[in-house]
Amino acid sequence: MKKLVIALAASGFALSPALTPAMASELESHCEAYAAENGTDPSGCSCLAETADADATAELMAVASEADLEALSDNAKGAIQACFPAA
């Protein structure tokens, strides 16, 4: 059982880099859609997709409102600040 857990963990780590471009693309699209719906500037969306780590990306993908933005972790807020300095 321990070997199976180790093998699954190792395969997950091996797949993570392959999933990163897809996650980044989804985050960029989500960011652009959020910006369009809320009348904000989407110019930092590609930067955000490149800057956010996996944890921040997961949080940012769940943002649907201003309240969600306020509840983000410092890590996710840091990614936003890096790409949207006027925010």
Protein backbone atom coordinates (compact mmCIF):
# COMPACT_ATOMS: atom_id res chain seq x y z
CA MET A 1 0.00 0.00 0.00
CA LYS A 2 2.81 2.39 0.89
CA LYS A 3 4.46 1.75 -2.49
CA LEU A 4 1.17 2.48 -4.26
CA VAL A 5 0.80 5.80 -2.45
CA ILE A 6 4.38 6.74 -3.32
CA ALA A 7 3.85 5.75 -6.97
CA LEU A 8 0.64 7.77 -7.21
CA ALA A 9 2.30 10.79 -5.63
CA ALA A 10 5.27 10.53 -7.98
CA SER A 11 3.03 10.23 -11.04
CA GLY A 12 1.07 13.26 -9.88
CA PHE A 13 4.23 15.29 -9.58
CA ALA A 14 5.31 14.12 -13.01
CA LEU A 15 2.02 15.22 -14.54
CA SER A 16 1.84 18.59 -12.79
CA PRO A 17 4.08 20.47 -15.25
CA ALA A 18 2.05 19.10 -18.15
CA LEU A 19 -1.15 20.42 -16.61
CA THR A 20 0.26 23.86 -15.86
CA PRO A 21 -0.23 25.36 -19.35
CA ALA A 22 -3.85 24.20 -19.40
CA MET A 23 -4.49 25.66 -15.95
CA ALA A 24 -2.80 28.90 -16.95
CA SER A 25 -4.90 29.12 -20.09
CA GLU A 26 -8.07 28.48 -18.09
CA LEU A 27 -7.08 31.11 -15.52
CA GLU A 28 -6.38 33.66 -18.24
CA SER A 29 -9.78 32.98 -19.83
CA HIS A 30 -11.52 33.14 -16.44
CA CYS A 31 -9.76 36.42 -15.65
CA GLU A 32 -10.77 37.93 -19.00
CA ALA A 33 -14.38 36.83 -18.54
CA TYR A 34 -14.47 38.26 -15.01
CA ALA A 35 -13.01 41.54 -16.28
CA ALA A 36 -15.58 41.75 -19.10
CA GLU A 37 -18.48 41.03 -16.75
CA ASN A 38 -17.29 43.61 -14.22
CA GLY A 39 -16.04 46.34 -16.55
CA THR A 40 -12.43 46.08 -15.46
CA ASP A 41 -9.15 46.06 -17.38
CA PRO A 42 -8.14 42.55 -18.54
CA SER A 43 -4.61 43.57 -19.57
CA GLY A 44 -2.97 41.76 -16.63
CA CYS A 45 -4.75 38.46 -17.19
CA SER A 46 -1.92 36.80 -19.13
CA CYS A 47 0.55 37.96 -16.48
CA LEU A 48 -1.71 36.54 -13.77
CA ALA A 49 -1.87 33.19 -15.55
CA GLU A 50 1.94 33.10 -15.68
CA THR A 51 2.51 34.42 -12.15
CA ALA A 52 0.01 32.48 -10.03
CA ASP A 53 1.19 29.19 -8.58
CA ALA A 54 -1.12 26.14 -8.47
CA ASP A 55 -2.69 27.09 -5.13
CA ALA A 56 -3.34 30.69 -6.19
CA THR A 57 -4.67 29.50 -9.54
CA ALA A 58 -7.20 27.23 -7.82
CA GLU A 59 -8.36 30.13 -5.64
CA LEU A 60 -8.52 32.58 -8.53
CA MET A 61 -10.52 30.17 -10.68
CA ALA A 62 -13.22 30.21 -7.99
CA VAL A 63 -13.57 34.02 -7.96
CA ALA A 64 -17.04 35.09 -9.01
CA SER A 65 -17.54 38.29 -7.03
CA GLU A 66 -15.83 41.15 -5.24
CA ALA A 67 -16.37 39.29 -1.96
CA ASP A 68 -14.42 36.34 -3.37
CA LEU A 69 -11.53 38.67 -4.23
CA GLU A 70 -11.47 40.03 -0.69
CA ALA A 71 -11.37 36.50 0.76
CA LEU A 72 -8.31 35.40 -1.26
CA SER A 73 -5.12 34.30 0.45
CA ASP A 74 -2.13 36.63 0.59
CA ASN A 75 -0.47 34.42 -2.04
CA ALA A 76 -3.29 34.94 -4.55
CA LYS A 77 -3.56 38.63 -3.71
CA GLY A 78 0.20 38.94 -4.32
CA ALA A 79 -0.20 37.49 -7.81
CA ILE A 80 -2.97 40.01 -8.53
CA GLN A 81 -0.87 42.87 -7.20
CA ALA A 82 2.07 41.85 -9.39
CA CYS A 83 -0.08 41.90 -12.54
CA PHE A 84 -2.57 44.62 -11.68
CA PRO A 85 -0.50 47.14 -9.66
CA ALA A 86 -3.30 49.72 -9.66
CA ALA A 87 -5.74 47.22 -8.09
